[in-house]
Amino acid sequence: MIDVNIGMRIQNIRKSKNLKVTELAKMAYISQPYLSDIERGRTTPSLDKLQTICEALDISLGDFFGNASEFSPELIQLLENIKRLTEEERTHLAHFIEAIVNRQDT
């Protein structure tokens, strides 16, 4: 399980808007199995995909993660820089960050 919190949050918002998985998947231009995997925490969407899902749910990324004002300017800049990376570069970055976090946990 990669990130249950993101998936659970998507699922809770989807249900609060009375949307079926198939409906949200269609609105977000993603497959229903992919959305199901996200909601179950089996996979984590890229920032671009999460933004698309949020747009389909009619919420901002800031609202999705809580209060946008809680983000430091450095974190906002980091997210903006990540948006400019290619999908492959984001994948490498995600693996790098995961390796650092896992190393700190041991």
PDB file of N, CA and C in Angstrom:
ATOM      1  N   MET A   1       0.846  -1.178   0.000  1.00  0.00           N
ATOM      2  CA  MET A   1       0.000   0.000   0.000  1.00  0.00           C
ATOM      3  C   MET A   1       0.890   1.240   0.000  1.00  0.00           C
ATOM      4  N   ILE A   2       0.680   2.120  -0.955  1.00  0.00           N
ATOM      5  CA  ILE A   2       1.555   3.266  -1.119  1.00  0.00           C
ATOM      6  C   ILE A   2       1.066   4.462  -0.309  1.00  0.00           C
ATOM      7  N   ASP A   3      -0.125   4.943  -0.576  1.00  0.00           N
ATOM      8  CA  ASP A   3      -0.611   6.100   0.165  1.00  0.00           C
ATOM      9  C   ASP A   3      -2.124   6.041   0.293  1.00  0.00           C
ATOM     10  N   VAL A   4      -2.565   5.469   1.398  1.00  0.00           N
ATOM     11  CA  VAL A   4      -3.984   5.303   1.641  1.00  0.00           C
ATOM     12  C   VAL A   4      -4.652   6.651   1.882  1.00  0.00           C
ATOM     13  N   ASN A   5      -3.938   7.603   2.494  1.00  0.00           N
ATOM     14  CA  ASN A   5      -4.554   8.882   2.829  1.00  0.00           C
ATOM     15  C   ASN A   5      -5.040   9.639   1.604  1.00  0.00           C
ATOM     16  N   ILE A   6      -4.246   9.688   0.551  1.00  0.00           N
ATOM     17  CA  ILE A   6      -4.671  10.375  -0.673  1.00  0.00           C
ATOM     18  C   ILE A   6      -5.883   9.663  -1.257  1.00  0.00           C
ATOM     19  N   GLY A   7      -5.798   8.346  -1.349  1.00  0.00           N
ATOM     20  CA  GLY A   7      -6.909   7.573  -1.898  1.00  0.00           C
ATOM     21  C   GLY A   7      -8.176   7.706  -1.083  1.00  0.00           C
ATOM     22  N   MET A   8      -8.038   7.625   0.232  1.00  0.00           N
ATOM     23  CA  MET A   8      -9.210   7.761   1.102  1.00  0.00           C
ATOM     24  C   MET A   8      -9.822   9.146   0.977  1.00  0.00           C
ATOM     25  N   ARG A   9      -8.976  10.144   0.851  1.00  0.00           N
ATOM     26  CA  ARG A   9      -9.474  11.519   0.707  1.00  0.00           C
ATOM     27  C   ARG A   9     -10.251  11.665  -0.599  1.00  0.00           C
ATOM     28  N   ILE A  10      -9.707  11.125  -1.684  1.00  0.00           N
ATOM     29  CA  ILE A  10     -10.420  11.169  -2.967  1.00  0.00           C
ATOM     30  C   ILE A  10     -11.757  10.454  -2.839  1.00  0.00           C
ATOM     31  N   GLN A  11     -11.728   9.268  -2.250  1.00  0.00           N
ATOM     32  CA  GLN A  11     -12.955   8.481  -2.104  1.00  0.00           C
ATOM     33  C   GLN A  11     -13.995   9.227  -1.259  1.00  0.00           C
ATOM     34  N   ASN A  12     -13.568   9.818  -0.151  1.00  0.00           N
ATOM     35  CA  ASN A  12     -14.506  10.545   0.712  1.00  0.00           C
ATOM     36  C   ASN A  12     -15.121  11.738  -0.003  1.00  0.00           C
ATOM     37  N   ILE A  13     -14.308  12.486  -0.729  1.00  0.00           N
ATOM     38  CA  ILE A  13     -14.836  13.638  -1.468  1.00  0.00           C
ATOM     39  C   ILE A  13     -15.771  13.164  -2.575  1.00  0.00           C
ATOM     40  N   ARG A  14     -15.363  12.101  -3.283  1.00  0.00           N
ATOM     41  CA  ARG A  14     -16.208  11.559  -4.355  1.00  0.00           C
ATOM     42  C   ARG A  14     -17.577  11.159  -3.811  1.00  0.00           C
ATOM     43  N   LYS A  15     -17.569  10.436  -2.692  1.00  0.00           N
ATOM     44  CA  LYS A  15     -18.832   9.985  -2.101  1.00  0.00           C
ATOM     45  C   LYS A  15     -19.670  11.153  -1.600  1.00  0.00           C
ATOM     46  N   SER A  16     -19.004  12.183  -1.058  1.00  0.00           N
ATOM     47  CA  SER A  16     -19.749  13.352  -0.572  1.00  0.00           C
ATOM     48  C   SER A  16     -20.442  14.085  -1.716  1.00  0.00           C
ATOM     49  N   LYS A  17     -19.931  13.903  -2.926  1.00  0.00           N
ATOM     50  CA  LYS A  17     -20.521  14.526  -4.110  1.00  0.00           C
ATOM     51  C   LYS A  17     -21.429  13.549  -4.865  1.00  0.00           C
ATOM     52  N   ASN A  18     -21.689  12.394  -4.219  1.00  0.00           N
ATOM     53  CA  ASN A  18     -22.569  11.365  -4.784  1.00  0.00           C
ATOM     54  C   ASN A  18     -22.139  10.920  -6.178  1.00  0.00           C
ATOM     55  N   LEU A  19     -20.838  10.748  -6.346  1.00  0.00           N
ATOM     56  CA  LEU A  19     -20.307  10.283  -7.623  1.00  0.00           C
ATOM     57  C   LEU A  19     -19.880   8.830  -7.507  1.00  0.00           C
ATOM     58  N   LYS A  20     -20.129   8.068  -8.549  1.00  0.00           N
ATOM     59  CA  LYS A  20     -19.632   6.697  -8.627  1.00  0.00           C
ATOM     60  C   LYS A  20     -18.194   6.736  -9.132  1.00  0.00           C
ATOM     61  N   VAL A  21     -17.461   5.668  -8.852  1.00  0.00           N
ATOM     62  CA  VAL A  21     -16.072   5.587  -9.317  1.00  0.00           C
ATOM     63  C   VAL A  21     -16.018   5.779 -10.828  1.00  0.00           C
ATOM     64  N   THR A  22     -16.924   5.135 -11.537  1.00  0.00           N
ATOM     65  CA  THR A  22     -16.918   5.235 -12.999  1.00  0.00           C
ATOM     66  C   THR A  22     -17.178   6.666 -13.465  1.00  0.00           C
ATOM     67  N   GLU A  23     -18.046   7.372 -12.751  1.00  0.00           N
ATOM     68  CA  GLU A  23     -18.352   8.757 -13.129  1.00  0.00           C
ATOM     69  C   GLU A  23     -17.136   9.665 -12.941  1.00  0.00           C
ATOM     70  N   LEU A  24     -16.489   9.550 -11.775  1.00  0.00           N
ATOM     71  CA  LEU A  24     -15.320  10.392 -11.523  1.00  0.00           C
ATOM     72  C   LEU A  24     -14.190  10.048 -12.482  1.00  0.00           C
ATOM     73  N   ALA A  25     -13.996   8.765 -12.736  1.00  0.00           N
ATOM     74  CA  ALA A  25     -12.934   8.355 -13.660  1.00  0.00           C
ATOM     75  C   ALA A  25     -13.155   8.991 -15.034  1.00  0.00           C
ATOM     76  N   LYS A  26     -14.385   8.960 -15.499  1.00  0.00           N
ATOM     77  CA  LYS A  26     -14.700   9.552 -16.804  1.00  0.00           C
ATOM     78  C   LYS A  26     -14.468  11.064 -16.781  1.00  0.00           C
ATOM     79  N   MET A  27     -14.881  11.719 -15.705  1.00  0.00           N
ATOM     80  CA  MET A  27     -14.715  13.170 -15.586  1.00  0.00           C
ATOM     81  C   MET A  27     -13.238  13.564 -15.516  1.00  0.00           C
ATOM     82  N   ALA A  28     -12.407  12.676 -14.940  1.00  0.00           N
ATOM     83  CA  ALA A  28     -10.979  12.969 -14.762  1.00  0.00           C
ATOM     84  C   ALA A  28     -10.129  12.389 -15.893  1.00  0.00           C
ATOM     85  N   TYR A  29     -10.776  11.787 -16.875  1.00  0.00           N
ATOM     86  CA  TYR A  29     -10.069  11.215 -18.034  1.00  0.00           C
ATOM     87  C   TYR A  29      -9.046  10.149 -17.630  1.00  0.00           C
ATOM     88  N   ILE A  30      -9.438   9.317 -16.659  1.00  0.00           N
ATOM     89  CA  ILE A  30      -8.593   8.196 -16.245  1.00  0.00           C
ATOM     90  C   ILE A  30      -9.446   6.939 -16.236  1.00  0.00           C
ATOM     91  N   SER A  31      -8.804   5.795 -16.208  1.00  0.00           N
ATOM     92  CA  SER A  31      -9.564   4.548 -16.208  1.00  0.00           C
ATOM     93  C   SER A  31     -10.139   4.282 -14.822  1.00  0.00           C
ATOM     94  N   GLN A  32     -11.244   3.560 -14.800  1.00  0.00           N
ATOM     95  CA  GLN A  32     -11.878   3.210 -13.534  1.00  0.00           C
ATOM     96  C   GLN A  32     -10.965   2.327 -12.685  1.00  0.00           C
ATOM     97  N   PRO A  33     -10.276   1.322 -13.270  1.00  0.00           N
ATOM     98  CA  PRO A  33      -9.359   0.521 -12.444  1.00  0.00           C
ATOM     99  C   PRO A  33      -8.230   1.359 -11.823  1.00  0.00           C
ATOM    100  N   TYR A  34      -7.719   2.332 -12.570  1.00  0.00           N
ATOM    101  CA  TYR A  34      -6.657   3.195 -12.043  1.00  0.00           C
ATOM    102  C   TYR A  34      -7.175   4.011 -10.859  1.00  0.00           C
ATOM    103  N   LEU A  35      -8.372   4.592 -10.998  1.00  0.00           N
ATOM    104  CA  LEU A  35      -8.962   5.359  -9.900  1.00  0.00           C
ATOM    105  C   LEU A  35      -9.211   4.457  -8.698  1.00  0.00           C
ATOM    106  N   SER A  36      -9.695   3.254  -8.928  1.00  0.00           N
ATOM    107  CA  SER A  36      -9.911   2.309  -7.828  1.00  0.00           C
ATOM    108  C   SER A  36      -8.608   2.002  -7.104  1.00  0.00           C
ATOM    109  N   ASP A  37      -7.536   1.810  -7.871  1.00  0.00           N
ATOM    110  CA  ASP A  37      -6.224   1.554  -7.257  1.00  0.00           C
ATOM    111  C   ASP A  37      -5.761   2.747  -6.421  1.00  0.00           C
ATOM    112  N   ILE A  38      -6.023   3.946  -6.894  1.00  0.00           N
ATOM    113  CA  ILE A  38      -5.661   5.146  -6.127  1.00  0.00           C
ATOM    114  C   ILE A  38      -6.458   5.176  -4.824  1.00  0.00           C
ATOM    115  N   GLU A  39      -7.770   4.967  -4.930  1.00  0.00           N
ATOM    116  CA  GLU A  39      -8.626   5.031  -3.744  1.00  0.00           C
ATOM    117  C   GLU A  39      -8.260   3.963  -2.721  1.00  0.00           C
ATOM    118  N   ARG A  40      -7.780   2.834  -3.173  1.00  0.00           N
ATOM    119  CA  ARG A  40      -7.398   1.742  -2.264  1.00  0.00           C
ATOM    120  C   ARG A  40      -5.962   1.870  -1.762  1.00  0.00           C
ATOM    121  N   GLY A  41      -5.248   2.882  -2.237  1.00  0.00           N
ATOM    122  CA  GLY A  41      -3.879   3.086  -1.793  1.00  0.00           C
ATOM    123  C   GLY A  41      -2.871   2.179  -2.463  1.00  0.00           C
ATOM    124  N   ARG A  42      -3.270   1.546  -3.552  1.00  0.00           N
ATOM    125  CA  ARG A  42      -2.355   0.651  -4.276  1.00  0.00           C
ATOM    126  C   ARG A  42      -1.381   1.415  -5.158  1.00  0.00           C
ATOM    127  N   THR A  43      -1.765   2.619  -5.536  1.00  0.00           N
ATOM    128  CA  THR A  43      -0.898   3.472  -6.351  1.00  0.00           C
ATOM    129  C   THR A  43      -1.147   4.921  -5.952  1.00  0.00           C
ATOM    130  N   THR A  44      -0.186   5.760  -6.209  1.00  0.00           N
ATOM    131  CA  THR A  44      -0.315   7.188  -5.918  1.00  0.00           C
ATOM    132  C   THR A  44      -0.290   7.936  -7.243  1.00  0.00           C
ATOM    133  N   PRO A  45      -1.255   8.827  -7.447  1.00  0.00           N
ATOM    134  CA  PRO A  45      -1.281   9.560  -8.717  1.00  0.00           C
ATOM    135  C   PRO A  45      -0.158  10.581  -8.789  1.00  0.00           C
ATOM    136  N   SER A  46       0.260  10.885 -10.006  1.00  0.00           N
ATOM    137  CA  SER A  46       1.212  11.981 -10.200  1.00  0.00           C
ATOM    138  C   SER A  46       0.511  13.273  -9.799  1.00  0.00           C
ATOM    139  N   LEU A  47       1.278  14.310  -9.616  1.00  0.00           N
ATOM    140  CA  LEU A  47       0.698  15.603  -9.259  1.00  0.00           C
ATOM    141  C   LEU A  47      -0.261  16.076 -10.344  1.00  0.00           C
ATOM    142  N   ASP A  48       0.087  15.847 -11.606  1.00  0.00           N
ATOM    143  CA  ASP A  48      -0.797  16.238 -12.710  1.00  0.00           C
ATOM    144  C   ASP A  48      -2.121  15.482 -12.651  1.00  0.00           C
ATOM    145  N   LYS A  49      -2.045  14.168 -12.406  1.00  0.00           N
ATOM    146  CA  LYS A  49      -3.274  13.362 -12.326  1.00  0.00           C
ATOM    147  C   LYS A  49      -4.112  13.791 -11.130  1.00  0.00           C
ATOM    148  N   LEU A  50      -3.450  14.060  -9.999  1.00  0.00           N
ATOM    149  CA  LEU A  50      -4.184  14.496  -8.816  1.00  0.00           C
ATOM    150  C   LEU A  50      -4.868  15.830  -9.083  1.00  0.00           C
ATOM    151  N   GLN A  51      -4.199  16.713  -9.782  1.00  0.00           N
ATOM    152  CA  GLN A  51      -4.804  18.008 -10.139  1.00  0.00           C
ATOM    153  C   GLN A  51      -6.038  17.779 -11.016  1.00  0.00           C
ATOM    154  N   THR A  52      -5.940  16.866 -11.973  1.00  0.00           N
ATOM    155  CA  THR A  52      -7.075  16.563 -12.850  1.00  0.00           C
ATOM    156  C   THR A  52      -8.238  15.989 -12.051  1.00  0.00           C
ATOM    157  N   ILE A  53      -7.934  15.102 -11.114  1.00  0.00           N
ATOM    158  CA  ILE A  53      -8.976  14.522 -10.258  1.00  0.00           C
ATOM    159  C   ILE A  53      -9.623  15.620  -9.417  1.00  0.00           C
ATOM    160  N   CYS A  54      -8.803  16.499  -8.854  1.00  0.00           N
ATOM    161  CA  CYS A  54      -9.337  17.606  -8.053  1.00  0.00           C
ATOM    162  C   CYS A  54     -10.232  18.508  -8.896  1.00  0.00           C
ATOM    163  N   GLU A  55      -9.817  18.787 -10.118  1.00  0.00           N
ATOM    164  CA  GLU A  55     -10.643  19.610 -11.005  1.00  0.00           C
ATOM    165  C   GLU A  55     -11.978  18.927 -11.270  1.00  0.00           C
ATOM    166  N   ALA A  56     -11.953  17.613 -11.474  1.00  0.00           N
ATOM    167  CA  ALA A  56     -13.192  16.868 -11.700  1.00  0.00           C
ATOM    168  C   ALA A  56     -14.086  16.910 -10.458  1.00  0.00           C
ATOM    169  N   LEU A  57     -13.467  16.944  -9.285  1.00  0.00           N
ATOM    170  CA  LEU A  57     -14.218  17.030  -8.026  1.00  0.00           C
ATOM    171  C   LEU A  57     -14.584  18.472  -7.669  1.00  0.00           C
ATOM    172  N   ASP A  58     -14.137  19.412  -8.501  1.00  0.00           N
ATOM    173  CA  ASP A  58     -14.400  20.838  -8.318  1.00  0.00           C
ATOM    174  C   ASP A  58     -13.802  21.370  -7.014  1.00  0.00           C
ATOM    175  N   ILE A  59     -12.554  20.935  -6.734  1.00  0.00           N
ATOM    176  CA  ILE A  59     -11.819  21.457  -5.587  1.00  0.00           C
ATOM    177  C   ILE A  59     -10.393  21.780  -6.033  1.00  0.00           C
ATOM    178  N   SER A  60      -9.745  22.664  -5.310  1.00  0.00           N
ATOM    179  CA  SER A  60      -8.352  22.989  -5.623  1.00  0.00           C
ATOM    180  C   SER A  60      -7.434  21.994  -4.926  1.00  0.00           C
ATOM    181  N   LEU A  61      -6.189  21.931  -5.373  1.00  0.00           N
ATOM    182  CA  LEU A  61      -5.206  21.097  -4.679  1.00  0.00           C
ATOM    183  C   LEU A  61      -5.034  21.573  -3.242  1.00  0.00           C
ATOM    184  N   GLY A  62      -5.071  22.877  -3.042  1.00  0.00           N
ATOM    185  CA  GLY A  62      -4.964  23.426  -1.692  1.00  0.00           C
ATOM    186  C   GLY A  62      -6.081  22.932  -0.798  1.00  0.00           C
ATOM    187  N   ASP A  63      -7.317  22.937  -1.331  1.00  0.00           N
ATOM    188  CA  ASP A  63      -8.449  22.422  -0.563  1.00  0.00           C
ATOM    189  C   ASP A  63      -8.305  20.926  -0.311  1.00  0.00           C
ATOM    190  N   PHE A  64      -7.784  20.213  -1.298  1.00  0.00           N
ATOM    191  CA  PHE A  64      -7.609  18.767  -1.149  1.00  0.00           C
ATOM    192  C   PHE A  64      -6.671  18.452   0.015  1.00  0.00           C
ATOM    193  N   PHE A  65      -5.571  19.187   0.105  1.00  0.00           N
ATOM    194  CA  PHE A  65      -4.574  18.921   1.138  1.00  0.00           C
ATOM    195  C   PHE A  65      -4.835  19.682   2.433  1.00  0.00           C
ATOM    196  N   GLY A  66      -5.882  20.453   2.476  1.00  0.00           N
ATOM    197  CA  GLY A  66      -6.164  21.248   3.660  1.00  0.00           C
ATOM    198  C   GLY A  66      -6.180  22.698   3.276  1.00  0.00           C
ATOM    199  N   ASN A  67      -5.668  23.515   4.122  1.00  0.00           N
ATOM    200  CA  ASN A  67      -5.648  24.948   3.869  1.00  0.00           C
ATOM    201  C   ASN A  67      -4.385  25.301   3.092  1.00  0.00           C
ATOM    202  N   ALA A  68      -4.549  25.845   1.910  1.00  0.00           N
ATOM    203  CA  ALA A  68      -3.402  26.177   1.057  1.00  0.00           C
ATOM    204  C   ALA A  68      -2.451  27.155   1.736  1.00  0.00           C
ATOM    205  N   SER A  69      -2.978  27.974   2.645  1.00  0.00           N
ATOM    206  CA  SER A  69      -2.116  28.944   3.318  1.00  0.00           C
ATOM    207  C   SER A  69      -1.134  28.269   4.267  1.00  0.00           C
ATOM    208  N   GLU A  70      -1.349  26.980   4.570  1.00  0.00           N
ATOM    209  CA  GLU A  70      -0.437  26.245   5.436  1.00  0.00           C
ATOM    210  C   GLU A  70       0.854  25.872   4.711  1.00  0.00           C
ATOM    211  N   PHE A  71       0.859  25.953   3.376  1.00  0.00           N
ATOM    212  CA  PHE A  71       2.051  25.608   2.611  1.00  0.00           C
ATOM    213  C   PHE A  71       3.042  26.764   2.656  1.00  0.00           C
ATOM    214  N   SER A  72       4.283  26.430   2.924  1.00  0.00           N
ATOM    215  CA  SER A  72       5.328  27.452   2.932  1.00  0.00           C
ATOM    216  C   SER A  72       5.620  27.871   1.493  1.00  0.00           C
ATOM    217  N   PRO A  73       6.166  29.062   1.305  1.00  0.00           N
ATOM    218  CA  PRO A  73       6.542  29.488  -0.048  1.00  0.00           C
ATOM    219  C   PRO A  73       7.525  28.515  -0.704  1.00  0.00           C
ATOM    220  N   GLU A  74       8.413  27.931   0.106  1.00  0.00           N
ATOM    221  CA  GLU A  74       9.383  26.974  -0.435  1.00  0.00           C
ATOM    222  C   GLU A  74       8.687  25.734  -0.983  1.00  0.00           C
ATOM    223  N   LEU A  75       7.675  25.243  -0.253  1.00  0.00           N
ATOM    224  CA  LEU A  75       6.952  24.055  -0.705  1.00  0.00           C
ATOM    225  C   LEU A  75       6.143  24.360  -1.961  1.00  0.00           C
ATOM    226  N   ILE A  76       5.537  25.513  -2.008  1.00  0.00           N
ATOM    227  CA  ILE A  76       4.778  25.909  -3.200  1.00  0.00           C
ATOM    228  C   ILE A  76       5.709  25.990  -4.407  1.00  0.00           C
ATOM    229  N   GLN A  77       6.893  26.579  -4.224  1.00  0.00           N
ATOM    230  CA  GLN A  77       7.865  26.669  -5.316  1.00  0.00           C
ATOM    231  C   GLN A  77       8.318  25.277  -5.741  1.00  0.00           C
ATOM    232  N   LEU A  78       8.546  24.401  -4.771  1.00  0.00           N
ATOM    233  CA  LEU A  78       8.948  23.030  -5.078  1.00  0.00           C
ATOM    234  C   LEU A  78       7.883  22.330  -5.918  1.00  0.00           C
ATOM    235  N   LEU A  79       6.624  22.479  -5.543  1.00  0.00           N
ATOM    236  CA  LEU A  79       5.536  21.868  -6.311  1.00  0.00           C
ATOM    237  C   LEU A  79       5.467  22.442  -7.723  1.00  0.00           C
ATOM    238  N   GLU A  80       5.669  23.733  -7.849  1.00  0.00           N
ATOM    239  CA  GLU A  80       5.673  24.353  -9.177  1.00  0.00           C
ATOM    240  C   GLU A  80       6.811  23.801 -10.033  1.00  0.00           C
ATOM    241  N   ASN A  81       7.975  23.621  -9.424  1.00  0.00           N
ATOM    242  CA  ASN A  81       9.109  23.053 -10.160  1.00  0.00           C
ATOM    243  C   ASN A  81       8.832  21.612 -10.569  1.00  0.00           C
ATOM    244  N   ILE A  82       8.219  20.854  -9.697  1.00  0.00           N
ATOM    245  CA  ILE A  82       7.897  19.457 -10.007  1.00  0.00           C
ATOM    246  C   ILE A  82       6.932  19.384 -11.184  1.00  0.00           C
ATOM    247  N   LYS A  83       5.995  20.310 -11.259  1.00  0.00           N
ATOM    248  CA  LYS A  83       5.041  20.333 -12.374  1.00  0.00           C
ATOM    249  C   LYS A  83       5.748  20.441 -13.722  1.00  0.00           C
ATOM    250  N   ARG A  84       6.902  21.090 -13.743  1.00  0.00           N
ATOM    251  CA  ARG A  84       7.618  21.310 -15.006  1.00  0.00           C
ATOM    252  C   ARG A  84       8.455  20.103 -15.425  1.00  0.00           C
ATOM    253  N   LEU A  85       8.587  19.112 -14.555  1.00  0.00           N
ATOM    254  CA  LEU A  85       9.361  17.916 -14.889  1.00  0.00           C
ATOM    255  C   LEU A  85       8.573  17.005 -15.817  1.00  0.00           C
ATOM    256  N   THR A  86       9.291  16.177 -16.546  1.00  0.00           N
ATOM    257  CA  THR A  86       8.624  15.159 -17.358  1.00  0.00           C
ATOM    258  C   THR A  86       8.121  14.061 -16.431  1.00  0.00           C
ATOM    259  N   GLU A  87       7.256  13.222 -16.939  1.00  0.00           N
ATOM    260  CA  GLU A  87       6.739  12.095 -16.149  1.00  0.00           C
ATOM    261  C   GLU A  87       7.885  11.205 -15.675  1.00  0.00           C
ATOM    262  N   GLU A  88       8.845  10.964 -16.544  1.00  0.00           N
ATOM    263  CA  GLU A  88       9.999  10.131 -16.184  1.00  0.00           C
ATOM    264  C   GLU A  88      10.819  10.793 -15.073  1.00  0.00           C
ATOM    265  N   GLU A  89      11.027  12.099 -15.186  1.00  0.00           N
ATOM    266  CA  GLU A  89      11.784  12.815 -14.156  1.00  0.00           C
ATOM    267  C   GLU A  89      11.053  12.795 -12.817  1.00  0.00           C
ATOM    268  N   ARG A  90       9.720  12.934 -12.856  1.00  0.00           N
ATOM    269  CA  ARG A  90       8.936  12.872 -11.616  1.00  0.00           C
ATOM    270  C   ARG A  90       9.028  11.491 -10.983  1.00  0.00           C
ATOM    271  N   THR A  91       9.039  10.462 -11.816  1.00  0.00           N
ATOM    272  CA  THR A  91       9.170   9.099 -11.299  1.00  0.00           C
ATOM    273  C   THR A  91      10.511   8.925 -10.605  1.00  0.00           C
ATOM    274  N   HIS A  92      11.575   9.405 -11.231  1.00  0.00           N
ATOM    275  CA  HIS A  92      12.907   9.322 -10.612  1.00  0.00           C
ATOM    276  C   HIS A  92      12.942  10.109  -9.300  1.00  0.00           C
ATOM    277  N   LEU A  93      12.349  11.288  -9.298  1.00  0.00           N
ATOM    278  CA  LEU A  93      12.315  12.112  -8.095  1.00  0.00           C
ATOM    279  C   LEU A  93      11.544  11.408  -6.977  1.00  0.00           C
ATOM    280  N   ALA A  94      10.419  10.804  -7.328  1.00  0.00           N
ATOM    281  CA  ALA A  94       9.622  10.085  -6.324  1.00  0.00           C
ATOM    282  C   ALA A  94      10.418   8.938  -5.712  1.00  0.00           C
ATOM    283  N   HIS A  95      11.147   8.203  -6.553  1.00  0.00           N
ATOM    284  CA  HIS A  95      11.973   7.100  -6.045  1.00  0.00           C
ATOM    285  C   HIS A  95      13.092   7.631  -5.150  1.00  0.00           C
ATOM    286  N   PHE A  96      13.689   8.745  -5.538  1.00  0.00           N
ATOM    287  CA  PHE A  96      14.760   9.354  -4.753  1.00  0.00           C
ATOM    288  C   PHE A  96      14.245   9.776  -3.375  1.00  0.00           C
ATOM    289  N   ILE A  97      13.109  10.447  -3.361  1.00  0.00           N
ATOM    290  CA  ILE A  97      12.527  10.899  -2.093  1.00  0.00           C
ATOM    291  C   ILE A  97      12.164   9.706  -1.224  1.00  0.00           C
ATOM    292  N   GLU A  98      11.563   8.690  -1.835  1.00  0.00           N
ATOM    293  CA  GLU A  98      11.201   7.480  -1.095  1.00  0.00           C
ATOM    294  C   GLU A  98      12.432   6.825  -0.479  1.00  0.00           C
ATOM    295  N   ALA A  99      13.535   6.793  -1.220  1.00  0.00           N
ATOM    296  CA  ALA A  99      14.779   6.204  -0.706  1.00  0.00           C
ATOM    297  C   ALA A  99      15.290   6.994   0.496  1.00  0.00           C
ATOM    298  N   ILE A 100      15.221   8.308   0.428  1.00  0.00           N
ATOM    299  CA  ILE A 100      15.668   9.142   1.549  1.00  0.00           C
ATOM    300  C   ILE A 100      14.787   8.904   2.773  1.00  0.00           C
ATOM    301  N   VAL A 101      13.484   8.898   2.573  1.00  0.00           N
ATOM    302  CA  VAL A 101      12.554   8.696   3.688  1.00  0.00           C
ATOM    303  C   VAL A 101      12.760   7.314   4.306  1.00  0.00           C
ATOM    304  N   ASN A 102      12.891   6.294   3.465  1.00  0.00           N
ATOM    305  CA  ASN A 102      13.094   4.934   3.975  1.00  0.00           C
ATOM    306  C   ASN A 102      14.415   4.816   4.720  1.00  0.00           C
ATOM    307  N   ARG A 103      15.443   5.500   4.254  1.00  0.00           N
ATOM    308  CA  ARG A 103      16.743   5.472   4.926  1.00  0.00           C
ATOM    309  C   ARG A 103      16.640   6.113   6.306  1.00  0.00           C
ATOM    310  N   GLN A 104      15.860   7.176   6.418  1.00  0.00           N
ATOM    311  CA  GLN A 104      15.703   7.861   7.701  1.00  0.00           C
ATOM    312  C   GLN A 104      14.881   7.037   8.683  1.00  0.00           C
ATOM    313  N   ASP A 105      13.991   6.173   8.160  1.00  0.00           N
ATOM    314  CA  ASP A 105      13.149   5.339   9.015  1.00  0.00           C
ATOM    315  C   ASP A 105      13.908   4.172   9.621  1.00  0.00           C
ATOM    316  N   THR A 106      15.070   3.834   9.060  1.00  0.00           N
ATOM    317  CA  THR A 106      15.803   2.668   9.566  1.00  0.00           C
ATOM    318  C   THR A 106      16.773   3.029  10.646  1.00  0.00           C
TER     319      THR A 106
END
